[in-house]
């Protein structure tokens, strides 16, 4: 059963989302930065009130197992953009993924939410109008050009250097033009930190597709990157720069970037961006660090591992295999001392709504694709096997169990590049939080650590 605290939290999040949706219609003529400037003073007072009322309340005691277990479940971060519920999945400013898909603006003729709208929601807590999203698309297009020295830096990278390493390298180099770093060096008042953090964050998000596309074209193509079209939205421009003009693929990118954008603050990439940013490193340095965490096989690299496992299975069981053959292959994976990739999650205890969103996309656009049909078959079979084997508290699929199959269907089969796509997306969540971190004056993150010997001494004689 759900705890009364969790039920109350859900109700409050939904109520907040409804109020914010209503409020957005009154500010349709404003730019994002103008609206943010209005919201920040109110939120500063809100945070002060929360701390005054609840500052001495406890979220619960931490255990020694949590200290050794990667701080799993330790409640110790504030993250404004999203909250992850074990049963409901992610909520972006109170909106579930299906609710966000319905509420956020779409491209003309499109059915998937535009990432520009999701970013506006993450920053303000309000659902933007079509006009506001169109303005944000135009602003990102205007900021998208990357400096010549960054282009040269990428062009000199060997093709054998992993795309994520090149991505992180280029983002770090953007620090050269950081508005925040320059303002800080000139002694700007700390109350104004958020403004140059905002400018850097907008530049970061705007330039990531151009950086990612240049890496893609250098490693897998002829090195020539098409120009940004100022009349097109973020995902359409990104797709075009990668070499994909199909409206279906563009719609997939809109969905992909939206649902991968944010996932609470405790995952490796989000937490890393927040941690490095707490040292007043600018958004470029902070997000470069986040990308290095995202590159790990236990985080953003997971979708690549899932796809390889599924394709290897397909090579063994063939197309349209029986359930028995699929089950036999899954058991062989487990008996070989391996995990079934894409199943289980650190927090979720149900099918990841991001998986469901991608599954619904596939059912609309590629229902007869053999690889998708195999993914659907795995979805039907694996949870029961994992429960029988006692291998997972949560036997349900996560977001990584599906994304690679969709990308492959449209011809994007360069698997080493998949995490770069994730990196373009996750910037929306990390950057929006960095803006609020500086607006709220969040301090340097510095938790307390203990040695094993100190822990032993602490509890000696207390067992």
Protein backbone atom coordinates (compact mmCIF):
# COMPACT_ATOMS: atom_id res chain seq x y z
CA UNK A 1 0.00 0.00 0.00
CA UNK A 2 1.07 3.57 -0.61
CA UNK A 3 2.10 5.61 2.40
CA UNK A 4 -0.01 8.64 3.32
CA UNK A 5 3.10 10.81 2.79
CA UNK A 6 3.56 9.58 -0.79
CA UNK A 7 -0.14 10.01 -1.59
CA UNK A 8 -0.06 13.55 -0.20
CA UNK A 9 3.05 14.35 -2.26
CA UNK A 10 1.40 13.14 -5.45
CA UNK A 11 -1.74 15.17 -4.77
CA UNK A 12 0.33 18.28 -4.10
CA UNK A 13 2.38 17.80 -7.28
CA UNK A 14 -0.79 17.45 -9.34
CA UNK A 15 -2.35 20.50 -7.73
CA UNK A 16 0.79 22.53 -8.40
CA UNK A 17 0.86 21.39 -12.02
CA UNK A 18 -2.78 22.44 -12.52
CA UNK A 19 -2.15 25.88 -11.00
CA UNK A 20 0.97 26.34 -13.12
CA UNK A 21 -0.85 25.30 -16.29
CA UNK A 22 -3.52 27.93 -15.61
CA UNK A 23 -0.92 30.61 -14.86
CA UNK A 24 0.98 30.09 -18.11
CA UNK A 25 -1.77 31.55 -20.29
CA UNK A 26 -1.35 34.92 -18.58
CA UNK A 27 2.30 35.31 -19.54
CA UNK A 28 2.28 34.24 -23.19
CA UNK A 29 3.99 37.39 -24.46
CA UNK A 30 7.02 37.11 -22.20
CA UNK A 31 10.36 35.57 -22.99
CA UNK A 32 11.63 32.74 -20.82
CA UNK A 33 14.23 34.94 -19.13
CA UNK A 34 11.68 37.67 -18.39
CA UNK A 35 9.33 35.13 -16.84
CA UNK A 36 12.18 33.63 -14.84
CA UNK A 37 13.11 37.05 -13.48
CA UNK A 38 9.56 37.33 -12.13
CA UNK A 39 9.54 33.86 -10.61
CA UNK A 40 12.92 33.93 -8.83
CA UNK A 41 12.06 36.43 -6.05
CA UNK A 42 8.87 34.50 -5.28
CA UNK A 43 10.71 31.19 -5.17
CA UNK A 44 13.44 32.59 -2.93
CA UNK A 45 10.74 33.56 -0.43
CA UNK A 46 9.10 30.14 -0.85
CA UNK A 47 12.38 28.37 -0.06
CA UNK A 48 12.95 30.61 2.96
CA UNK A 49 9.49 29.74 4.25
CA UNK A 50 10.04 26.00 3.72
CA UNK A 51 13.36 26.11 5.54
CA UNK A 52 11.90 28.17 8.38
CA UNK A 53 9.00 25.76 8.86
CA UNK A 54 10.64 22.44 8.14
CA UNK A 55 14.39 23.02 8.41
CA UNK A 56 14.74 20.87 11.52
CA UNK A 57 12.56 18.03 10.23
CA UNK A 58 14.25 14.73 9.48
CA UNK A 59 13.89 12.73 6.27
CA UNK A 60 14.99 9.61 8.16
CA UNK A 61 18.23 8.05 9.31
CA UNK A 62 20.90 6.79 6.94
CA UNK A 63 22.27 3.29 7.39
CA UNK A 64 25.78 1.90 7.07
CA UNK A 65 24.54 -0.24 4.16
CA UNK A 66 23.51 2.93 2.34
CA UNK A 67 26.96 4.41 2.87
CA UNK A 68 28.58 1.35 1.31
CA UNK A 69 25.81 0.97 -1.26
CA UNK A 70 26.34 4.16 -3.24
CA UNK A 71 24.09 6.29 -0.98
CA UNK A 72 21.11 4.49 -2.54
CA UNK A 73 17.93 5.98 -1.13
CA UNK A 74 19.67 8.65 0.94
CA UNK A 75 17.51 11.79 0.91
CA UNK A 76 19.96 14.65 0.57
CA UNK A 77 19.31 16.74 -2.56
CA UNK A 78 16.92 19.44 -3.72
CA UNK A 79 15.96 19.11 -7.39
CA UNK A 80 13.24 21.39 -8.71
CA UNK A 81 12.55 20.05 -12.20
CA UNK A 82 11.35 16.54 -11.53
CA UNK A 83 10.48 13.98 -8.86
CA UNK A 84 10.73 10.22 -9.36
CA UNK A 85 8.03 8.12 -7.74
CA UNK A 86 8.71 4.40 -7.35
CA UNK A 87 5.25 3.49 -8.63
CA UNK A 88 4.28 6.34 -10.97
CA UNK A 89 7.63 7.11 -12.56
CA UNK A 90 8.96 10.56 -13.35
CA UNK A 91 6.93 13.73 -13.04
CA UNK A 92 8.20 16.89 -14.71
CA UNK A 93 7.09 19.76 -12.45
CA UNK A 94 4.13 17.64 -11.38
CA UNK A 95 3.22 16.32 -14.84
CA UNK A 96 3.56 12.63 -15.62
CA UNK A 97 4.99 11.68 -19.02
CA UNK A 98 1.54 11.03 -20.54
CA UNK A 99 0.31 14.34 -19.12
CA UNK A 100 3.35 16.17 -20.46
CA UNK A 101 2.90 14.54 -23.86
CA UNK A 102 -0.65 15.82 -23.95
CA UNK A 103 -0.08 19.30 -22.53
CA UNK A 104 3.16 20.45 -24.15
CA UNK A 105 3.11 22.19 -27.55
CA UNK A 106 3.71 20.14 -30.69
CA UNK A 107 5.20 21.00 -34.06
CA UNK A 108 2.62 21.75 -36.79
CA UNK A 109 1.25 18.38 -37.85
CA UNK A 110 3.25 16.57 -35.16
CA UNK A 111 2.04 14.51 -32.22
CA UNK A 112 5.12 14.42 -29.95
CA UNK A 113 6.01 17.20 -27.47
CA UNK A 114 8.69 19.68 -28.42
CA UNK A 115 11.75 19.65 -26.10
CA UNK A 116 11.64 23.45 -26.08
CA UNK A 117 8.33 23.23 -24.25
CA UNK A 118 9.70 20.72 -21.78
CA UNK A 119 12.65 23.03 -20.99
CA UNK A 120 10.25 25.93 -20.38
CA UNK A 121 8.28 23.68 -18.05
CA UNK A 122 11.41 22.56 -16.18
CA UNK A 123 12.59 26.14 -15.71
CA UNK A 124 9.31 27.85 -14.80
CA UNK A 125 6.95 25.09 -13.72
CA UNK A 126 4.52 26.36 -16.36
CA UNK A 127 3.29 24.88 -19.62
CA UNK A 128 4.30 27.32 -22.37
CA UNK A 129 2.20 28.55 -25.25
CA UNK A 130 2.92 27.72 -28.88
CA UNK A 131 4.21 31.28 -29.30
CA UNK A 132 6.65 30.95 -26.42
CA UNK A 133 7.99 27.64 -27.73
CA UNK A 134 8.40 29.06 -31.21
CA UNK A 135 10.42 31.92 -29.73
CA UNK A 136 12.61 29.49 -27.81
CA UNK A 137 13.24 27.46 -30.99
CA UNK A 138 14.33 30.62 -32.79
CA UNK A 139 16.59 31.68 -29.90
CA UNK A 140 18.33 28.29 -29.73
CA UNK A 141 18.83 28.34 -33.49
CA UNK A 142 20.38 31.83 -33.22
CA UNK A 143 22.77 30.63 -30.49
CA UNK A 144 23.68 27.32 -32.18
CA UNK A 145 26.91 28.25 -33.98
CA UNK A 146 29.98 26.79 -32.29
CA UNK A 147 33.32 28.67 -32.17
CA UNK A 148 35.85 27.94 -34.91
CA UNK A 149 38.44 26.69 -32.43
CA UNK A 150 35.94 24.09 -31.13
CA UNK A 151 35.27 22.95 -34.69
CA UNK A 152 39.01 22.62 -35.26
CA UNK A 153 39.38 20.76 -31.97
CA UNK A 154 36.77 18.22 -33.01
CA UNK A 155 38.12 17.91 -36.55
CA UNK A 156 41.54 17.01 -35.16
CA UNK A 157 40.20 14.24 -32.94
CA UNK A 158 41.00 10.73 -34.23
CA UNK A 159 37.97 8.71 -35.33
CA UNK A 160 39.00 6.12 -32.77
CA UNK A 161 38.32 8.53 -29.87
CA UNK A 162 34.92 7.60 -28.43
CA UNK A 163 32.16 10.06 -29.42
CA UNK A 164 31.38 10.72 -25.75
CA UNK A 165 35.00 11.68 -25.07
CA UNK A 166 34.88 14.09 -27.99
CA UNK A 167 31.54 15.45 -26.77
CA UNK A 168 32.85 16.13 -23.27
CA UNK A 169 36.03 17.69 -24.69
CA UNK A 170 34.08 20.14 -26.86
CA UNK A 171 31.67 21.14 -24.07
CA UNK A 172 34.61 21.81 -21.75
CA UNK A 173 36.18 24.03 -24.42
CA UNK A 174 33.02 26.19 -24.59
CA UNK A 175 34.09 27.46 -21.17
CA UNK A 176 36.34 29.83 -23.16
CA UNK A 177 33.32 32.05 -23.80
CA UNK A 178 31.46 31.55 -20.51
CA UNK A 179 29.44 34.60 -19.52
CA UNK A 180 29.29 33.38 -15.91
CA UNK A 181 33.07 32.89 -15.66
CA UNK A 182 33.69 36.40 -17.02
CA UNK A 183 31.10 37.99 -14.72
CA UNK A 184 32.47 36.16 -11.68
CA UNK A 185 36.02 37.29 -12.51
CA UNK A 186 34.71 40.86 -12.65
CA UNK A 187 33.13 40.60 -9.18
CA UNK A 188 29.44 40.39 -10.07
CA UNK A 189 27.00 40.44 -7.14
CA UNK A 190 26.01 36.88 -6.22
CA UNK A 191 22.34 37.80 -6.54
CA UNK A 192 23.00 38.18 -10.25
CA UNK A 193 24.71 34.80 -10.70
CA UNK A 194 21.59 33.28 -12.20
CA UNK A 195 21.52 35.68 -15.14
CA UNK A 196 24.87 34.68 -16.66
CA UNK A 197 24.22 31.05 -15.66
CA UNK A 198 21.04 31.35 -17.69
CA UNK A 199 22.94 32.76 -20.68
CA UNK A 200 25.55 29.98 -20.52
CA UNK A 201 22.83 27.34 -20.13
CA UNK A 202 20.97 28.61 -23.17
CA UNK A 203 24.20 28.63 -25.18
CA UNK A 204 25.05 25.13 -23.96
CA UNK A 205 21.71 23.63 -24.97
CA UNK A 206 21.69 25.48 -28.29
CA UNK A 207 25.18 24.35 -29.31
CA UNK A 208 24.97 20.68 -28.29
CA UNK A 209 23.25 19.47 -31.50
CA UNK A 210 25.87 21.18 -33.66
CA UNK A 211 28.68 19.62 -31.60
CA UNK A 212 27.04 16.20 -31.62
CA UNK A 213 26.39 16.38 -35.37
CA UNK A 214 29.97 17.37 -36.12
CA UNK A 215 31.22 14.38 -34.13
CA UNK A 216 28.77 12.11 -35.96
CA UNK A 217 29.75 13.42 -39.39
CA UNK A 218 33.48 13.23 -38.61
CA UNK A 219 33.39 9.70 -37.24
CA UNK A 220 30.77 8.13 -39.51
CA UNK A 221 30.52 10.43 -42.53
CA UNK A 222 32.27 13.01 -44.67
CA UNK A 223 32.70 15.67 -41.99
CA UNK A 224 30.27 18.09 -43.63
CA UNK A 225 27.52 19.42 -41.35
CA UNK A 226 24.43 21.15 -42.78
CA UNK A 227 23.67 24.64 -41.53
CA UNK A 228 21.04 25.40 -38.90
CA UNK A 229 17.66 26.42 -40.32
CA UNK A 230 16.38 29.31 -38.15
CA UNK A 231 12.77 28.47 -39.04
CA UNK A 232 12.90 24.90 -37.72
CA UNK A 233 12.59 23.53 -34.21
CA UNK A 234 15.44 22.08 -32.15
CA UNK A 235 14.80 18.41 -32.97
CA UNK A 236 14.24 19.06 -36.67
CA UNK A 237 17.55 20.90 -36.94
CA UNK A 238 19.36 18.21 -34.97
CA UNK A 239 17.94 15.44 -37.14
CA UNK A 240 18.82 17.29 -40.32
CA UNK A 241 22.41 17.86 -39.15
CA UNK A 242 22.71 14.13 -38.49
CA UNK A 243 21.42 13.45 -42.00
CA UNK A 244 17.84 12.40 -41.24
CA UNK A 245 14.97 14.32 -42.83
CA UNK A 246 12.14 11.82 -42.27
CA UNK A 247 9.30 13.38 -40.30
CA UNK A 248 8.94 10.13 -38.34
CA UNK A 249 12.57 10.26 -37.25
CA UNK A 250 12.21 13.93 -36.29
CA UNK A 251 9.16 13.00 -34.21
CA UNK A 252 11.22 10.25 -32.56
CA UNK A 253 13.91 12.80 -31.68
CA UNK A 254 11.29 15.10 -30.17
CA UNK A 255 10.04 12.26 -28.00
CA UNK A 256 13.53 10.95 -27.19
CA UNK A 257 14.93 14.32 -26.10
CA UNK A 258 11.83 15.09 -24.04
CA UNK A 259 11.65 11.84 -22.06
CA UNK A 260 15.43 11.58 -21.47
CA UNK A 261 15.79 15.20 -20.35
CA UNK A 262 15.47 14.84 -16.59
CA UNK A 263 15.13 12.04 -14.05
CA UNK A 264 15.40 13.57 -10.60
CA UNK A 265 18.69 14.80 -9.13
CA UNK A 266 20.32 11.67 -7.78
CA UNK A 267 21.33 9.90 -11.00
CA UNK A 268 25.01 10.15 -11.91
CA UNK A 269 24.82 12.79 -14.65
CA UNK A 270 22.35 15.06 -12.86
CA UNK A 271 24.10 14.78 -9.51
CA UNK A 272 27.51 15.36 -11.09
CA UNK A 273 26.31 18.51 -12.87
CA UNK A 274 24.85 19.81 -9.61
CA UNK A 275 27.94 18.88 -7.58
CA UNK A 276 30.45 20.52 -9.92
CA UNK A 277 28.16 23.51 -10.35
CA UNK A 278 28.03 23.94 -6.57
CA UNK A 279 31.73 24.90 -6.74
CA UNK A 280 30.60 27.79 -9.00
CA UNK A 281 32.05 26.10 -12.05
CA UNK A 282 30.20 27.47 -15.06
CA UNK A 283 27.54 25.39 -16.87
CA UNK A 284 29.99 24.23 -19.54
CA UNK A 285 32.44 22.77 -17.03
CA UNK A 286 29.58 21.39 -14.93
CA UNK A 287 27.89 19.68 -17.85
CA UNK A 288 31.12 18.31 -19.24
CA UNK A 289 31.59 16.54 -15.90
CA UNK A 290 28.01 15.28 -16.11
CA UNK A 291 28.72 13.85 -19.56
CA UNK A 292 31.69 11.91 -18.23
CA UNK A 293 29.35 10.26 -15.74
CA UNK A 294 26.74 9.64 -18.41
CA UNK A 295 29.35 7.81 -20.47
CA UNK A 296 29.54 4.97 -17.95
CA UNK A 297 28.03 1.54 -18.69
CA UNK A 298 25.87 1.72 -15.55
CA UNK A 299 24.26 4.96 -16.74
CA UNK A 300 23.92 6.33 -20.27
CA UNK A 301 25.79 3.52 -22.00
CA UNK A 302 23.12 1.03 -20.93
CA UNK A 303 20.90 1.39 -24.02
CA UNK A 304 23.83 0.36 -26.20
CA UNK A 305 24.34 -2.79 -24.11
CA UNK A 306 20.62 -3.62 -24.34
CA UNK A 307 20.61 -3.40 -28.12
CA UNK A 308 23.67 -5.60 -28.45
CA UNK A 309 22.08 -8.22 -26.21
CA UNK A 310 18.82 -8.17 -28.22
CA UNK A 311 20.63 -8.40 -31.55
CA UNK A 312 22.74 -11.27 -30.26
CA UNK A 313 19.56 -13.02 -29.15
CA UNK A 314 17.99 -12.43 -32.56
CA UNK A 315 21.01 -14.05 -34.17
CA UNK A 316 20.40 -17.16 -32.07
CA UNK A 317 16.59 -17.44 -32.01
CA UNK A 318 15.89 -15.85 -35.43
CA UNK A 319 12.83 -13.82 -36.43
CA UNK A 320 9.43 -14.74 -34.96
CA UNK A 321 10.84 -17.15 -32.36
CA UNK A 322 8.63 -19.09 -29.98
CA UNK A 323 8.24 -17.88 -26.41
CA UNK A 324 10.10 -21.01 -25.34
CA UNK A 325 13.17 -20.09 -27.39
CA UNK A 326 13.23 -16.56 -26.01
CA UNK A 327 12.83 -17.84 -22.45
CA UNK A 328 15.63 -20.34 -23.01
CA UNK A 329 17.95 -17.56 -24.17
CA UNK A 330 17.06 -15.38 -21.18
CA UNK A 331 17.79 -18.25 -18.80
CA UNK A 332 21.12 -18.87 -20.52
CA UNK A 333 22.03 -15.21 -19.91
CA UNK A 334 21.23 -15.51 -16.21
CA UNK A 335 22.95 -18.87 -15.79
CA UNK A 336 26.02 -17.41 -17.45
CA UNK A 337 26.36 -14.97 -14.56
CA UNK A 338 25.08 -11.97 -16.52
CA UNK A 339 22.13 -9.67 -15.98
CA UNK A 340 19.30 -9.09 -18.43
CA UNK A 341 20.11 -5.56 -19.63
CA UNK A 342 17.34 -2.98 -19.62
CA UNK A 343 15.37 -4.60 -16.81
CA UNK A 344 15.25 -3.31 -13.24
CA UNK A 345 15.75 0.20 -11.91
CA UNK A 346 17.30 1.74 -8.81
CA UNK A 347 14.06 3.51 -7.86
CA UNK A 348 11.17 2.43 -10.09
CA UNK A 349 9.03 -0.53 -9.12
CA UNK A 350 6.93 -0.72 -12.27
CA UNK A 351 7.39 -0.46 -16.03
CA UNK A 352 9.23 2.77 -16.76
CA UNK A 353 6.75 5.24 -18.34
CA UNK A 354 9.58 6.26 -20.68
CA UNK A 355 9.64 2.66 -21.94
CA UNK A 356 5.87 2.79 -22.41
CA UNK A 357 6.06 6.05 -24.36
CA UNK A 358 8.60 4.52 -26.75
CA UNK A 359 6.58 1.31 -27.04
CA UNK A 360 3.50 3.32 -28.02
CA UNK A 361 5.57 5.18 -30.62
CA UNK A 362 6.70 1.83 -32.05
CA UNK A 363 3.16 0.45 -32.11
CA UNK A 364 2.12 3.46 -34.20
CA UNK A 365 5.06 3.58 -36.59
CA UNK A 366 6.83 0.18 -36.77
CA UNK A 367 4.52 -2.52 -35.40
CA UNK A 368 5.82 -5.22 -37.77
CA UNK A 369 9.53 -4.56 -37.33
CA UNK A 370 11.13 -7.89 -36.32
CA UNK A 371 13.39 -6.31 -33.70
CA UNK A 372 10.49 -4.43 -32.11
CA UNK A 373 8.39 -7.59 -32.08
CA UNK A 374 11.23 -9.33 -30.27
CA UNK A 375 11.40 -6.47 -27.74
CA UNK A 376 7.65 -6.83 -27.15
CA UNK A 377 8.08 -10.58 -26.70
CA UNK A 378 10.90 -10.04 -24.21
CA UNK A 379 8.65 -7.63 -22.31
CA UNK A 380 6.07 -10.41 -21.97
CA UNK A 381 8.55 -13.08 -20.86
CA UNK A 382 11.43 -11.56 -18.87
CA UNK A 383 9.61 -10.20 -15.78
CA UNK A 384 8.28 -13.64 -14.82
CA UNK A 385 11.69 -15.23 -15.30
CA UNK A 386 13.41 -12.59 -13.16
CA UNK A 387 10.84 -13.09 -10.43
CA UNK A 388 11.25 -16.85 -10.59
CA UNK A 389 15.03 -16.53 -10.48
CA UNK A 390 14.89 -14.05 -7.59
CA UNK A 391 17.17 -11.70 -9.53
CA UNK A 392 15.36 -8.41 -9.19
CA UNK A 393 13.10 -6.52 -6.81
CA UNK A 394 11.85 -4.73 -9.90
CA UNK A 395 11.61 -7.07 -12.91
CA UNK A 396 10.15 -4.44 -15.24
CA UNK A 397 11.85 -2.71 -18.20
CA UNK A 398 13.43 0.73 -17.97
CA UNK A 399 13.93 3.35 -20.66
CA UNK A 400 17.07 1.68 -22.04
CA UNK A 401 15.19 -1.50 -22.94
CA UNK A 402 13.61 0.20 -25.95
CA UNK A 403 15.44 3.25 -27.31
CA UNK A 404 18.15 1.45 -29.28
CA UNK A 405 15.61 -0.57 -31.27
CA UNK A 406 13.83 2.59 -32.40
CA UNK A 407 17.05 4.28 -33.47
CA UNK A 408 18.16 1.18 -35.39
CA UNK A 409 14.86 0.99 -37.26
CA UNK A 410 15.45 4.45 -38.74
CA UNK A 411 19.01 3.58 -39.73
CA UNK A 412 20.88 5.17 -36.83
CA UNK A 413 22.83 2.03 -35.98
CA UNK A 414 26.10 3.66 -34.85
CA UNK A 415 25.77 2.40 -31.29
CA UNK A 416 28.74 4.30 -29.86
CA UNK A 417 26.84 7.48 -30.68
CA UNK A 418 23.69 6.60 -28.71
CA UNK A 419 24.96 8.05 -25.44
CA UNK A 420 25.71 11.34 -27.22
CA UNK A 421 21.99 11.57 -28.03
CA UNK A 422 21.29 11.00 -24.35
CA UNK A 423 23.80 13.77 -23.58
CA UNK A 424 22.00 16.26 -25.79
CA UNK A 425 18.77 15.48 -23.98
CA UNK A 426 19.96 15.40 -20.36
CA UNK A 427 21.32 18.95 -20.69
CA UNK A 428 17.77 20.29 -20.42
CA UNK A 429 17.35 18.92 -16.90
CA UNK A 430 20.85 19.69 -15.64
CA UNK A 431 20.92 23.22 -17.06
CA UNK A 432 17.50 24.14 -15.71
CA UNK A 433 18.59 23.07 -12.22
CA UNK A 434 21.91 24.93 -12.47
CA UNK A 435 19.95 28.12 -13.14
CA UNK A 436 17.85 27.57 -10.03
CA UNK A 437 20.89 26.58 -7.96
CA UNK A 438 22.42 29.97 -8.63
CA UNK A 439 19.11 31.83 -8.28
CA UNK A 440 18.50 30.27 -4.85
CA UNK A 441 22.10 30.66 -3.73
CA UNK A 442 22.61 26.93 -3.19
CA UNK A 443 25.89 26.28 -1.34
CA UNK A 444 28.90 24.11 -2.06
CA UNK A 445 27.95 20.45 -1.71
CA UNK A 446 30.06 18.83 0.99
CA UNK A 447 28.68 15.68 2.65
CA UNK A 448 30.49 14.01 5.57
CA UNK A 449 32.39 10.77 5.02
CA UNK A 450 33.76 8.12 7.39
CA UNK A 451 36.39 5.39 7.12
CA UNK A 452 35.52 1.74 7.67
CA UNK A 453 37.53 1.79 10.89
CA UNK A 454 35.67 4.86 12.14
CA UNK A 455 32.35 3.12 11.47
CA UNK A 456 33.50 0.06 13.41
CA UNK A 457 34.51 2.20 16.37
CA UNK A 458 31.27 4.17 16.23
CA UNK A 459 29.14 1.08 16.66
CA UNK A 460 31.46 -1.04 18.83
CA UNK A 461 29.56 -2.41 21.80
CA UNK A 462 26.21 -1.12 20.47
CA UNK A 463 25.14 -4.27 18.62
